[in-house]
């Protein structure tokens, strides 16, 4: 009887051990699959289609803030010219020397605005807190480029140069603002269609982030 009892106990231990190992293996497989799935999501298509050339344009560029340091005060404004949502996940924002890929699935609303900014979004003034940050590279304080590229197609590009702003005064601490009525990818190539903002922000600088620009 003692031998039978020991054998029965060993069989039970073996049975539970086997099922415990099986259960742990199943949990490990499910966890691994879940991680792979999450990783894969970072490479999936955006929730909205990418813009075509000229559908999203730059309408404002704060390249030389005065009330706050450049490292927390530079930003650019984009405007969606269409009546549909457009996704920017996987697109690239560039200046003349640097590129930064947009990894989060951000969407620009129909006829809506979006802000890109430098550095840490939480350090920006509240009125110009960016929807996405490009990193720590600075925009040039006299000339540079703002470019958006999706699927190797240049959606919009603006080259600003203070030497070409001969018909208006350059103002530090004010955003370079595309004149109202010139919101298209051809008109914003011409510095004659830009001015410096005159609307003062709570921070002390001048600009109209996420709002229609000042008239020229």
N, C-alpha and C. Protein backbone atom coordinates (compact mmCIF):
# COMPACT_ATOMS: atom_id res chain seq x y z
N UNK A 1 0.83 -1.21 0.00
CA UNK A 1 0.00 0.00 0.00
C UNK A 1 0.86 1.26 0.00
N UNK A 2 1.98 1.26 0.75
CA UNK A 2 2.85 2.43 0.81
C UNK A 2 3.45 2.70 -0.56
N UNK A 3 3.85 1.61 -1.28
CA UNK A 3 4.45 1.77 -2.59
C UNK A 3 3.44 2.36 -3.57
N UNK A 4 2.21 1.84 -3.53
CA UNK A 4 1.15 2.36 -4.41
C UNK A 4 0.87 3.84 -4.13
N UNK A 5 0.92 4.19 -2.83
CA UNK A 5 0.66 5.58 -2.46
C UNK A 5 1.76 6.50 -2.99
N UNK A 6 3.01 6.07 -2.88
CA UNK A 6 4.13 6.86 -3.38
C UNK A 6 4.05 7.00 -4.88
N UNK A 7 3.74 5.89 -5.56
CA UNK A 7 3.62 5.93 -7.02
C UNK A 7 2.50 6.90 -7.44
N UNK A 8 1.39 6.84 -6.71
CA UNK A 8 0.27 7.73 -7.04
C UNK A 8 0.66 9.20 -6.84
N UNK A 9 1.41 9.48 -5.76
CA UNK A 9 1.86 10.85 -5.50
C UNK A 9 2.82 11.32 -6.59
N UNK A 10 3.74 10.44 -7.00
CA UNK A 10 4.69 10.81 -8.06
C UNK A 10 3.98 11.09 -9.37
N UNK A 11 2.94 10.28 -9.65
CA UNK A 11 2.18 10.50 -10.87
C UNK A 11 1.48 11.85 -10.84
N UNK A 12 0.95 12.21 -9.68
CA UNK A 12 0.28 13.51 -9.56
C UNK A 12 1.27 14.66 -9.74
N UNK A 13 2.46 14.51 -9.10
CA UNK A 13 3.48 15.56 -9.24
C UNK A 13 3.89 15.70 -10.70
N UNK A 14 4.09 14.55 -11.37
CA UNK A 14 4.48 14.59 -12.79
C UNK A 14 3.40 15.25 -13.63
N UNK A 15 2.13 14.90 -13.33
CA UNK A 15 1.00 15.45 -14.08
C UNK A 15 0.93 16.96 -13.94
N UNK A 16 1.03 17.47 -12.69
CA UNK A 16 0.94 18.92 -12.47
C UNK A 16 2.16 19.65 -13.01
N UNK A 17 3.33 19.00 -12.89
CA UNK A 17 4.54 19.63 -13.44
C UNK A 17 4.43 19.79 -14.95
N UNK A 18 3.94 18.75 -15.61
CA UNK A 18 3.79 18.78 -17.05
C UNK A 18 2.84 19.90 -17.47
N UNK A 19 1.72 20.01 -16.80
CA UNK A 19 0.76 21.04 -17.17
C UNK A 19 1.24 22.45 -16.80
N UNK A 20 2.02 22.54 -15.72
CA UNK A 20 2.58 23.84 -15.35
C UNK A 20 3.56 24.32 -16.42
N UNK A 21 4.44 23.42 -16.88
CA UNK A 21 5.39 23.77 -17.94
C UNK A 21 4.65 24.15 -19.21
N UNK A 22 3.58 23.41 -19.54
CA UNK A 22 2.79 23.71 -20.73
C UNK A 22 2.14 25.09 -20.62
N UNK A 23 1.60 25.40 -19.42
CA UNK A 23 0.95 26.68 -19.21
C UNK A 23 1.96 27.83 -19.34
N UNK A 24 3.15 27.66 -18.74
CA UNK A 24 4.17 28.69 -18.83
C UNK A 24 4.61 28.91 -20.27
N UNK A 25 4.75 27.82 -21.04
CA UNK A 25 5.14 27.94 -22.44
C UNK A 25 4.08 28.69 -23.24
N UNK A 26 2.81 28.40 -22.96
CA UNK A 26 1.72 29.06 -23.66
C UNK A 26 1.71 30.56 -23.36
N UNK A 27 1.94 30.92 -22.07
CA UNK A 27 1.98 32.33 -21.68
C UNK A 27 3.13 33.03 -22.36
N UNK A 28 4.30 32.36 -22.44
CA UNK A 28 5.47 32.95 -23.09
C UNK A 28 5.20 33.23 -24.56
N UNK A 29 4.56 32.26 -25.24
CA UNK A 29 4.25 32.41 -26.67
C UNK A 29 3.29 33.57 -26.89
N UNK A 30 2.26 33.66 -26.04
CA UNK A 30 1.29 34.75 -26.17
C UNK A 30 1.95 36.10 -25.94
N UNK A 31 2.85 36.17 -24.96
CA UNK A 31 3.55 37.41 -24.67
C UNK A 31 4.44 37.83 -25.82
N UNK A 32 5.15 36.85 -26.40
CA UNK A 32 6.03 37.14 -27.53
C UNK A 32 5.24 37.62 -28.73
N UNK A 33 4.12 36.98 -28.99
CA UNK A 33 3.28 37.39 -30.13
C UNK A 33 2.74 38.79 -29.93
N UNK A 34 2.36 39.09 -28.67
CA UNK A 34 1.84 40.41 -28.37
C UNK A 34 2.90 41.48 -28.61
N UNK A 35 4.13 41.22 -28.19
CA UNK A 35 5.21 42.17 -28.40
C UNK A 35 5.50 42.37 -29.87
N UNK A 36 5.48 41.28 -30.63
CA UNK A 36 5.72 41.39 -32.07
C UNK A 36 4.64 42.19 -32.75
N UNK A 37 3.40 41.99 -32.27
CA UNK A 37 2.28 42.72 -32.84
C UNK A 37 2.41 44.20 -32.57
N UNK A 38 2.79 44.55 -31.31
CA UNK A 38 2.95 45.96 -30.96
C UNK A 38 4.06 46.58 -31.77
N UNK A 39 5.16 45.85 -31.95
CA UNK A 39 6.28 46.38 -32.72
C UNK A 39 5.87 46.62 -34.16
N UNK A 40 5.08 45.70 -34.68
CA UNK A 40 4.65 45.83 -36.06
C UNK A 40 3.76 47.04 -36.28
N UNK A 41 3.01 47.42 -35.25
CA UNK A 41 2.11 48.55 -35.40
C UNK A 41 2.86 49.84 -35.69
N UNK A 42 4.14 49.92 -35.25
CA UNK A 42 4.89 51.14 -35.49
C UNK A 42 5.24 51.31 -36.95
N UNK A 43 5.09 50.23 -37.73
CA UNK A 43 5.43 50.31 -39.15
C UNK A 43 4.20 50.25 -40.05
N UNK A 44 3.03 50.27 -39.44
CA UNK A 44 1.81 50.18 -40.23
C UNK A 44 1.50 51.53 -40.87
N UNK A 45 0.57 51.49 -41.82
CA UNK A 45 0.18 52.72 -42.51
C UNK A 45 -0.52 53.66 -41.54
N UNK A 46 -0.49 54.96 -41.80
CA UNK A 46 -1.18 55.91 -40.93
C UNK A 46 -2.69 55.69 -41.00
N UNK A 47 -3.40 56.20 -39.99
CA UNK A 47 -4.84 56.03 -39.93
C UNK A 47 -5.56 56.84 -40.99
N UNK A 48 -4.87 57.81 -41.57
CA UNK A 48 -5.42 58.62 -42.67
C UNK A 48 -4.39 58.64 -43.79
N UNK A 49 -4.80 58.84 -45.04
CA UNK A 49 -3.85 58.81 -46.15
C UNK A 49 -2.85 59.96 -46.08
N UNK A 50 -1.67 59.71 -46.63
CA UNK A 50 -0.68 60.77 -46.74
C UNK A 50 -1.17 61.86 -47.68
N UNK A 51 -0.73 63.10 -47.47
CA UNK A 51 -1.09 64.16 -48.42
C UNK A 51 -0.36 63.99 -49.74
N UNK A 52 -0.97 64.47 -50.80
CA UNK A 52 -0.30 64.58 -52.10
C UNK A 52 0.41 65.91 -52.15
N UNK A 53 1.21 66.11 -53.17
CA UNK A 53 1.97 67.34 -53.32
C UNK A 53 1.05 68.57 -53.28
N UNK A 54 1.38 69.52 -52.41
CA UNK A 54 0.63 70.77 -52.32
C UNK A 54 -0.62 70.72 -51.48
N UNK A 55 -1.00 69.55 -50.93
CA UNK A 55 -2.22 69.48 -50.13
C UNK A 55 -2.03 69.99 -48.71
N UNK A 56 -0.81 69.91 -48.22
CA UNK A 56 -0.46 70.48 -46.90
C UNK A 56 0.69 71.45 -47.13
N UNK A 57 0.58 72.66 -46.59
CA UNK A 57 1.61 73.67 -46.84
C UNK A 57 2.06 74.32 -45.52
N UNK A 58 3.23 74.93 -45.56
CA UNK A 58 3.71 75.72 -44.43
C UNK A 58 3.12 77.12 -44.53
N UNK A 59 2.56 77.58 -43.41
CA UNK A 59 1.94 78.91 -43.39
C UNK A 59 2.55 79.84 -42.35
N UNK A 60 3.40 79.33 -41.49
CA UNK A 60 4.01 80.18 -40.46
C UNK A 60 5.28 79.51 -39.96
N UNK A 61 6.31 80.32 -39.75
CA UNK A 61 7.60 79.78 -39.30
C UNK A 61 8.17 80.68 -38.21
N UNK A 62 8.25 80.17 -37.01
CA UNK A 62 8.88 80.90 -35.90
C UNK A 62 10.32 80.39 -35.80
N UNK A 63 11.22 81.08 -36.48
CA UNK A 63 12.60 80.61 -36.52
C UNK A 63 13.53 81.37 -35.59
N UNK A 64 13.03 82.49 -35.04
CA UNK A 64 13.88 83.30 -34.17
C UNK A 64 13.07 83.92 -33.03
N UNK A 65 12.59 83.09 -32.08
CA UNK A 65 11.83 83.64 -30.96
C UNK A 65 12.71 84.53 -30.08
N UNK A 66 12.06 85.41 -29.37
CA UNK A 66 12.79 86.35 -28.51
C UNK A 66 12.40 86.20 -27.05
N UNK A 67 11.13 85.91 -26.78
CA UNK A 67 10.66 85.81 -25.40
C UNK A 67 11.17 84.54 -24.72
N UNK A 68 11.43 83.50 -25.50
CA UNK A 68 11.96 82.25 -24.96
C UNK A 68 13.16 81.84 -25.82
N UNK A 69 13.94 80.92 -25.31
CA UNK A 69 15.12 80.46 -26.03
C UNK A 69 14.72 79.69 -27.29
N UNK A 70 15.58 79.74 -28.30
CA UNK A 70 15.32 79.00 -29.54
C UNK A 70 15.07 77.52 -29.28
N UNK A 71 15.73 76.95 -28.28
CA UNK A 71 15.64 75.51 -28.02
C UNK A 71 14.28 75.07 -27.53
N UNK A 72 13.43 76.03 -27.12
CA UNK A 72 12.06 75.69 -26.69
C UNK A 72 11.02 76.58 -27.36
N UNK A 73 11.45 77.38 -28.33
CA UNK A 73 10.50 78.33 -28.91
C UNK A 73 10.34 78.29 -30.40
N UNK A 74 11.13 77.47 -31.10
CA UNK A 74 10.98 77.39 -32.55
C UNK A 74 9.83 76.46 -32.93
N UNK A 75 9.06 76.87 -33.93
CA UNK A 75 7.95 76.04 -34.40
C UNK A 75 7.60 76.43 -35.83
N UNK A 76 6.93 75.52 -36.50
CA UNK A 76 6.38 75.80 -37.84
C UNK A 76 4.92 75.37 -37.85
N UNK A 77 4.13 76.09 -38.60
CA UNK A 77 2.70 75.78 -38.72
C UNK A 77 2.43 75.20 -40.11
N UNK A 78 1.63 74.14 -40.14
CA UNK A 78 1.19 73.55 -41.41
C UNK A 78 -0.32 73.68 -41.52
N UNK A 79 -0.81 73.78 -42.76
CA UNK A 79 -2.23 73.95 -43.01
C UNK A 79 -2.68 72.93 -44.05
N UNK A 80 -3.78 72.25 -43.75
CA UNK A 80 -4.38 71.27 -44.65
C UNK A 80 -5.36 71.99 -45.58
N UNK A 81 -5.04 72.01 -46.86
CA UNK A 81 -5.88 72.72 -47.84
C UNK A 81 -7.09 71.92 -48.29
N UNK A 82 -7.18 70.66 -47.87
CA UNK A 82 -8.25 69.79 -48.35
C UNK A 82 -9.39 69.69 -47.33
N UNK A 83 -10.46 69.01 -47.75
CA UNK A 83 -11.60 68.77 -46.87
C UNK A 83 -11.59 67.35 -46.32
N UNK A 84 -10.41 66.75 -46.20
CA UNK A 84 -10.29 65.40 -45.64
C UNK A 84 -9.11 65.33 -44.68
N UNK A 85 -9.17 64.39 -43.74
CA UNK A 85 -8.06 64.17 -42.83
C UNK A 85 -6.87 63.60 -43.59
N UNK A 86 -5.68 64.04 -43.23
CA UNK A 86 -4.46 63.55 -43.85
C UNK A 86 -3.47 63.13 -42.77
N UNK A 87 -2.86 61.97 -42.95
CA UNK A 87 -1.94 61.43 -41.96
C UNK A 87 -0.49 61.73 -42.31
N UNK A 88 0.31 61.97 -41.29
CA UNK A 88 1.71 62.32 -41.51
C UNK A 88 2.68 61.29 -40.94
N UNK A 89 2.17 60.19 -40.41
CA UNK A 89 3.04 59.13 -39.90
C UNK A 89 3.93 58.61 -41.03
N UNK A 90 5.24 58.58 -40.77
CA UNK A 90 6.19 58.09 -41.77
C UNK A 90 6.71 59.16 -42.70
N UNK A 91 6.11 60.37 -42.66
CA UNK A 91 6.63 61.48 -43.46
C UNK A 91 7.87 62.06 -42.77
N UNK A 92 8.56 62.94 -43.46
CA UNK A 92 9.80 63.51 -42.94
C UNK A 92 9.75 65.03 -42.96
N UNK A 93 10.13 65.63 -41.83
CA UNK A 93 10.31 67.07 -41.77
C UNK A 93 11.80 67.36 -41.85
N UNK A 94 12.18 68.33 -42.68
CA UNK A 94 13.59 68.64 -42.88
C UNK A 94 13.84 70.13 -42.86
N UNK A 95 15.06 70.49 -42.41
CA UNK A 95 15.57 71.82 -42.71
C UNK A 95 16.67 71.63 -43.75
N UNK A 96 17.56 72.57 -43.92
CA UNK A 96 18.57 72.45 -44.97
C UNK A 96 19.66 71.43 -44.66
N UNK A 97 19.74 71.01 -43.38
CA UNK A 97 20.83 70.10 -42.99
C UNK A 97 20.37 68.84 -42.27
N UNK A 98 19.13 68.80 -41.82
CA UNK A 98 18.69 67.70 -40.98
C UNK A 98 17.35 67.14 -41.46
N UNK A 99 17.13 65.87 -41.13
CA UNK A 99 15.86 65.19 -41.41
C UNK A 99 15.34 64.58 -40.12
N UNK A 100 14.03 64.58 -39.95
CA UNK A 100 13.42 63.95 -38.79
C UNK A 100 12.14 63.25 -39.23
N UNK A 101 12.07 61.92 -39.01
CA UNK A 101 10.92 61.13 -39.43
C UNK A 101 9.81 61.24 -38.40
N UNK A 102 8.60 61.43 -38.86
CA UNK A 102 7.42 61.52 -37.98
C UNK A 102 6.96 60.10 -37.65
N UNK A 103 7.22 59.66 -36.43
CA UNK A 103 6.89 58.29 -36.05
C UNK A 103 5.48 58.12 -35.49
N UNK A 104 4.96 59.06 -34.69
CA UNK A 104 3.59 58.88 -34.20
C UNK A 104 2.56 59.07 -35.31
N UNK A 105 1.40 58.50 -35.10
CA UNK A 105 0.32 58.57 -36.09
C UNK A 105 -0.46 59.87 -35.89
N UNK A 106 0.12 60.98 -36.34
CA UNK A 106 -0.56 62.26 -36.19
C UNK A 106 -1.36 62.58 -37.46
N UNK A 107 -2.49 63.23 -37.26
CA UNK A 107 -3.42 63.54 -38.34
C UNK A 107 -3.68 65.04 -38.34
N UNK A 108 -3.69 65.62 -39.52
CA UNK A 108 -4.05 67.03 -39.66
C UNK A 108 -5.49 67.10 -40.19
N UNK A 109 -6.32 67.80 -39.47
CA UNK A 109 -7.75 67.85 -39.76
C UNK A 109 -8.06 68.59 -41.06
N UNK A 110 -9.23 68.35 -41.64
CA UNK A 110 -9.61 69.07 -42.86
C UNK A 110 -9.60 70.57 -42.63
N UNK A 111 -8.92 71.31 -43.52
CA UNK A 111 -8.80 72.76 -43.39
C UNK A 111 -8.31 73.17 -42.00
N UNK A 112 -7.46 72.31 -41.44
CA UNK A 112 -6.97 72.53 -40.08
C UNK A 112 -5.47 72.75 -40.03
N UNK A 113 -5.01 73.13 -38.84
CA UNK A 113 -3.60 73.46 -38.61
C UNK A 113 -2.92 72.39 -37.76
N UNK A 114 -1.60 72.35 -37.85
CA UNK A 114 -0.78 71.47 -37.05
C UNK A 114 0.53 72.21 -36.78
N UNK A 115 1.08 72.03 -35.58
CA UNK A 115 2.35 72.66 -35.25
C UNK A 115 3.44 71.61 -35.06
N UNK A 116 4.59 71.82 -35.70
CA UNK A 116 5.81 71.09 -35.42
C UNK A 116 6.68 72.01 -34.58
N UNK A 117 7.39 71.46 -33.60
CA UNK A 117 8.25 72.30 -32.77
C UNK A 117 9.55 71.62 -32.42
N UNK A 118 10.45 72.39 -31.86
CA UNK A 118 11.76 71.89 -31.48
C UNK A 118 11.73 71.31 -30.06
N UNK A 119 12.58 70.34 -29.82
CA UNK A 119 12.86 69.88 -28.46
C UNK A 119 11.71 69.24 -27.73
N UNK A 120 11.49 69.68 -26.50
CA UNK A 120 10.50 69.11 -25.60
C UNK A 120 9.20 69.92 -25.68
N UNK A 121 8.13 69.28 -26.11
CA UNK A 121 6.85 70.00 -26.28
C UNK A 121 6.36 70.62 -24.98
N UNK A 122 6.64 69.96 -23.85
CA UNK A 122 6.12 70.45 -22.57
C UNK A 122 6.77 71.77 -22.13
N UNK A 123 7.91 72.13 -22.74
CA UNK A 123 8.61 73.35 -22.35
C UNK A 123 8.20 74.56 -23.19
N UNK A 124 7.46 74.33 -24.25
CA UNK A 124 7.02 75.43 -25.11
C UNK A 124 5.95 76.26 -24.41
N UNK A 125 5.84 77.54 -24.74
CA UNK A 125 4.71 78.33 -24.24
C UNK A 125 3.38 77.66 -24.61
N UNK A 126 2.40 77.78 -23.76
CA UNK A 126 1.14 77.06 -23.95
C UNK A 126 0.48 77.37 -25.29
N UNK A 127 0.60 78.63 -25.75
CA UNK A 127 -0.11 79.01 -26.96
C UNK A 127 0.50 78.40 -28.23
N UNK A 128 1.74 77.91 -28.13
CA UNK A 128 2.39 77.34 -29.31
C UNK A 128 2.95 75.95 -29.03
N UNK A 129 2.31 75.24 -28.12
CA UNK A 129 2.76 73.88 -27.80
C UNK A 129 2.59 73.00 -29.04
N UNK A 130 3.68 72.38 -29.50
CA UNK A 130 3.61 71.63 -30.76
C UNK A 130 2.88 70.31 -30.65
N UNK A 131 2.32 69.86 -31.79
CA UNK A 131 1.69 68.55 -31.87
C UNK A 131 2.73 67.44 -32.05
N UNK A 132 3.88 67.83 -32.58
CA UNK A 132 4.99 66.88 -32.78
C UNK A 132 6.29 67.67 -32.74
N UNK A 133 7.35 67.06 -32.20
CA UNK A 133 8.64 67.73 -32.13
C UNK A 133 9.65 67.01 -33.01
N UNK A 134 10.48 67.80 -33.68
CA UNK A 134 11.42 67.24 -34.66
C UNK A 134 12.76 66.87 -34.06
N UNK A 135 13.02 67.22 -32.81
CA UNK A 135 14.33 66.96 -32.21
C UNK A 135 14.95 68.26 -31.75
N UNK A 136 16.28 68.31 -31.72
CA UNK A 136 16.95 69.46 -31.11
C UNK A 136 17.67 70.35 -32.11
N UNK A 137 17.59 70.06 -33.40
CA UNK A 137 18.29 70.93 -34.35
C UNK A 137 17.53 72.24 -34.53
N UNK A 138 18.30 73.33 -34.65
CA UNK A 138 17.72 74.67 -34.75
C UNK A 138 17.52 75.10 -36.19
N UNK A 139 16.46 75.85 -36.42
CA UNK A 139 16.27 76.52 -37.70
C UNK A 139 17.20 77.73 -37.77
N UNK A 140 17.72 78.01 -38.95
CA UNK A 140 18.62 79.15 -39.11
C UNK A 140 17.93 80.46 -38.81
N UNK A 141 18.66 81.39 -38.19
CA UNK A 141 18.08 82.67 -37.80
C UNK A 141 18.13 83.74 -38.89
N UNK A 142 18.65 83.40 -40.05
CA UNK A 142 18.59 84.35 -41.17
C UNK A 142 18.11 83.68 -42.45
N UNK A 143 18.44 82.39 -42.61
CA UNK A 143 17.92 81.66 -43.77
C UNK A 143 17.96 80.17 -43.48
N UNK A 144 17.00 79.47 -44.02
CA UNK A 144 16.93 78.02 -43.86
C UNK A 144 15.77 77.51 -44.71
N UNK A 145 15.48 76.22 -44.56
CA UNK A 145 14.42 75.56 -45.32
C UNK A 145 13.49 74.82 -44.37
N UNK A 146 12.22 74.82 -44.69
CA UNK A 146 11.24 73.95 -44.02
C UNK A 146 10.63 73.09 -45.11
N UNK A 147 10.75 71.77 -44.96
CA UNK A 147 10.29 70.86 -46.02
C UNK A 147 9.56 69.67 -45.42
N UNK A 148 8.46 69.29 -46.04
CA UNK A 148 7.70 68.10 -45.67
C UNK A 148 7.71 67.14 -46.84
N UNK A 149 8.13 65.90 -46.58
CA UNK A 149 8.21 64.87 -47.62
C UNK A 149 7.45 63.64 -47.16
N UNK A 150 6.63 63.08 -48.05
CA UNK A 150 5.91 61.84 -47.77
C UNK A 150 6.08 60.90 -48.96
N UNK A 151 6.48 59.67 -48.69
CA UNK A 151 6.65 58.68 -49.77
C UNK A 151 7.57 59.21 -50.87
N UNK A 152 8.64 59.88 -50.46
CA UNK A 152 9.64 60.44 -51.39
C UNK A 152 9.09 61.55 -52.28
N UNK A 153 7.91 62.07 -51.94
CA UNK A 153 7.32 63.20 -52.67
C UNK A 153 7.39 64.44 -51.79
N UNK A 154 7.93 65.52 -52.30
CA UNK A 154 7.96 66.77 -51.54
C UNK A 154 6.56 67.36 -51.54
N UNK A 155 5.95 67.39 -50.36
CA UNK A 155 4.59 67.91 -50.21
C UNK A 155 4.60 69.44 -50.24
N UNK A 156 5.53 70.02 -49.51
CA UNK A 156 5.72 71.47 -49.57
C UNK A 156 7.11 71.81 -49.06
N UNK A 157 7.65 72.90 -49.57
CA UNK A 157 8.98 73.36 -49.17
C UNK A 157 9.02 74.88 -49.24
N UNK A 158 9.52 75.47 -48.18
CA UNK A 158 9.68 76.93 -48.12
C UNK A 158 11.13 77.23 -47.78
N UNK A 159 11.77 78.03 -48.61
CA UNK A 159 13.12 78.52 -48.35
C UNK A 159 13.01 79.98 -47.94
N UNK A 160 13.31 80.28 -46.69
CA UNK A 160 13.24 81.67 -46.25
C UNK A 160 14.65 82.25 -46.16
N UNK A 161 14.77 83.50 -46.52
CA UNK A 161 16.06 84.17 -46.53
C UNK A 161 15.81 85.66 -46.27
N UNK A 162 16.36 86.16 -45.19
CA UNK A 162 16.12 87.55 -44.83
C UNK A 162 16.66 88.52 -45.89
N UNK A 163 17.60 88.06 -46.69
CA UNK A 163 18.12 88.92 -47.77
C UNK A 163 17.08 89.15 -48.86
N UNK A 164 16.07 88.27 -48.90
CA UNK A 164 15.00 88.41 -49.91
C UNK A 164 13.76 89.10 -49.36
N UNK A 165 13.83 89.58 -48.12
CA UNK A 165 12.69 90.25 -47.50
C UNK A 165 12.90 91.75 -47.58
N UNK A 166 13.10 92.26 -48.79
CA UNK A 166 13.47 93.66 -48.98
C UNK A 166 12.30 94.63 -48.90
N UNK A 167 11.06 94.11 -49.01
CA UNK A 167 9.91 95.02 -49.00
C UNK A 167 9.20 95.05 -47.65
N UNK A 168 9.83 94.51 -46.62
CA UNK A 168 9.28 94.63 -45.28
C UNK A 168 10.40 94.43 -44.27
N UNK A 169 10.17 94.90 -43.05
CA UNK A 169 11.19 94.88 -42.01
C UNK A 169 11.25 93.51 -41.34
N UNK A 170 12.44 93.03 -41.11
CA UNK A 170 12.64 91.80 -40.36
C UNK A 170 12.46 92.07 -38.88
N UNK A 171 11.67 91.23 -38.20
CA UNK A 171 11.36 91.43 -36.78
C UNK A 171 11.71 90.16 -36.01
N UNK A 172 12.69 90.23 -35.12
CA UNK A 172 12.98 89.07 -34.27
C UNK A 172 11.88 88.94 -33.22
N UNK A 173 11.59 87.72 -32.84
CA UNK A 173 10.52 87.49 -31.89
C UNK A 173 9.15 87.44 -32.52
N UNK A 174 9.08 87.51 -33.86
CA UNK A 174 7.82 87.39 -34.58
C UNK A 174 7.93 86.28 -35.61
N UNK A 175 6.86 85.53 -35.78
CA UNK A 175 6.88 84.46 -36.76
C UNK A 175 6.79 85.03 -38.17
N UNK A 176 7.43 84.36 -39.09
CA UNK A 176 7.27 84.69 -40.51
C UNK A 176 5.95 84.08 -40.95
N UNK A 177 5.06 84.91 -41.47
CA UNK A 177 3.66 84.54 -41.66
C UNK A 177 3.23 84.71 -43.11
N UNK A 178 2.68 83.66 -43.70
CA UNK A 178 2.17 83.73 -45.07
C UNK A 178 0.93 84.62 -45.10
N UNK A 179 0.92 85.58 -46.00
CA UNK A 179 -0.20 86.52 -46.08
C UNK A 179 -1.51 85.80 -46.38
N UNK A 180 -2.58 86.25 -45.74
CA UNK A 180 -3.90 85.70 -46.01
C UNK A 180 -4.24 85.85 -47.48
N UNK A 181 -4.80 84.81 -48.07
CA UNK A 181 -5.14 84.83 -49.48
C UNK A 181 -4.09 84.21 -50.37
N UNK A 182 -2.96 83.83 -49.78
CA UNK A 182 -1.87 83.22 -50.56
C UNK A 182 -1.58 81.79 -50.09
N UNK A 183 -2.62 81.13 -49.60
CA UNK A 183 -2.44 79.80 -49.04
C UNK A 183 -2.42 78.73 -50.13
N UNK A 184 -1.32 78.64 -50.83
CA UNK A 184 -1.12 77.53 -51.76
C UNK A 184 0.38 77.30 -51.93
N UNK A 185 0.72 76.13 -52.47
CA UNK A 185 2.12 75.69 -52.49
C UNK A 185 2.98 76.49 -53.45
N UNK A 186 2.37 77.22 -54.36
CA UNK A 186 3.16 78.06 -55.27
C UNK A 186 3.39 79.45 -54.66
N UNK A 187 2.34 80.04 -54.12
CA UNK A 187 2.44 81.40 -53.56
C UNK A 187 3.38 81.44 -52.35
N UNK A 188 3.42 80.36 -51.57
CA UNK A 188 4.27 80.41 -50.37
C UNK A 188 5.75 80.20 -50.69
N UNK A 189 6.07 80.00 -51.98
CA UNK A 189 7.48 79.94 -52.39
C UNK A 189 8.10 81.33 -52.51
N UNK A 190 7.27 82.35 -52.59
CA UNK A 190 7.73 83.72 -52.84
C UNK A 190 7.73 84.51 -51.53
N UNK A 191 8.91 84.96 -51.09
CA UNK A 191 9.01 85.72 -49.84
C UNK A 191 8.23 87.03 -49.88
N UNK A 192 7.86 87.50 -51.07
CA UNK A 192 7.05 88.71 -51.17
C UNK A 192 5.65 88.49 -50.59
N UNK A 193 5.23 87.22 -50.47
CA UNK A 193 3.90 86.90 -49.95
C UNK A 193 3.92 86.58 -48.45
N UNK A 194 5.00 86.92 -47.80
CA UNK A 194 5.12 86.70 -46.36
C UNK A 194 5.36 88.04 -45.66
N UNK A 195 4.98 88.07 -44.38
CA UNK A 195 5.28 89.21 -43.51
C UNK A 195 5.57 88.64 -42.11
N UNK A 196 6.00 89.52 -41.20
CA UNK A 196 6.18 89.10 -39.82
C UNK A 196 4.91 89.41 -39.02
N UNK A 197 4.52 88.47 -38.16
CA UNK A 197 3.26 88.57 -37.43
C UNK A 197 3.22 89.81 -36.53
N UNK A 198 2.02 90.34 -36.38
CA UNK A 198 1.83 91.53 -35.55
C UNK A 198 0.94 91.25 -34.34
N UNK A 199 0.37 90.04 -34.27
CA UNK A 199 -0.47 89.69 -33.13
C UNK A 199 0.40 89.18 -31.98
N UNK A 200 0.33 89.86 -30.83
CA UNK A 200 1.19 89.48 -29.71
C UNK A 200 0.59 88.30 -28.94
N UNK A 201 1.47 87.38 -28.59
CA UNK A 201 1.08 86.19 -27.84
C UNK A 201 1.31 86.42 -26.34
N UNK A 202 0.70 85.62 -25.47
CA UNK A 202 0.92 85.79 -24.03
C UNK A 202 2.39 85.70 -23.63
N UNK A 203 3.17 84.94 -24.36
CA UNK A 203 4.59 84.80 -24.04
C UNK A 203 5.35 86.10 -24.28
N UNK A 204 4.81 87.00 -25.13
CA UNK A 204 5.49 88.23 -25.49
C UNK A 204 5.95 88.27 -26.92
N UNK A 205 6.11 87.09 -27.55
CA UNK A 205 6.44 87.03 -28.97
C UNK A 205 5.19 87.29 -29.80
N UNK A 206 5.35 87.26 -31.13
CA UNK A 206 4.24 87.58 -32.02
C UNK A 206 4.01 86.40 -32.98
N UNK A 207 2.74 86.06 -33.17
CA UNK A 207 2.40 84.97 -34.06
C UNK A 207 0.94 84.62 -33.96
N UNK A 208 0.50 83.73 -34.82
CA UNK A 208 -0.90 83.29 -34.82
C UNK A 208 -0.96 81.76 -34.95
N UNK A 209 -0.33 81.03 -34.05
CA UNK A 209 -0.33 79.57 -34.17
C UNK A 209 -1.73 78.98 -34.13
N UNK A 210 -2.01 78.12 -35.11
CA UNK A 210 -3.31 77.43 -35.27
C UNK A 210 -4.46 78.40 -35.53
N UNK A 211 -4.14 79.58 -36.02
CA UNK A 211 -5.16 80.59 -36.31
C UNK A 211 -4.87 81.19 -37.69
N UNK A 212 -5.89 81.79 -38.35
CA UNK A 212 -5.61 82.49 -39.60
C UNK A 212 -4.55 83.55 -39.40
N UNK A 213 -3.71 83.74 -40.39
CA UNK A 213 -2.61 84.70 -40.26
C UNK A 213 -3.08 86.14 -40.37
N UNK A 214 -2.22 87.03 -39.87
CA UNK A 214 -2.51 88.46 -39.97
C UNK A 214 -2.53 88.88 -41.44
N UNK A 215 -3.42 89.81 -41.80
CA UNK A 215 -3.40 90.32 -43.19
C UNK A 215 -2.14 91.12 -43.43
N UNK A 216 -1.71 91.16 -44.69
CA UNK A 216 -0.51 91.92 -45.05
C UNK A 216 -0.87 93.32 -45.52
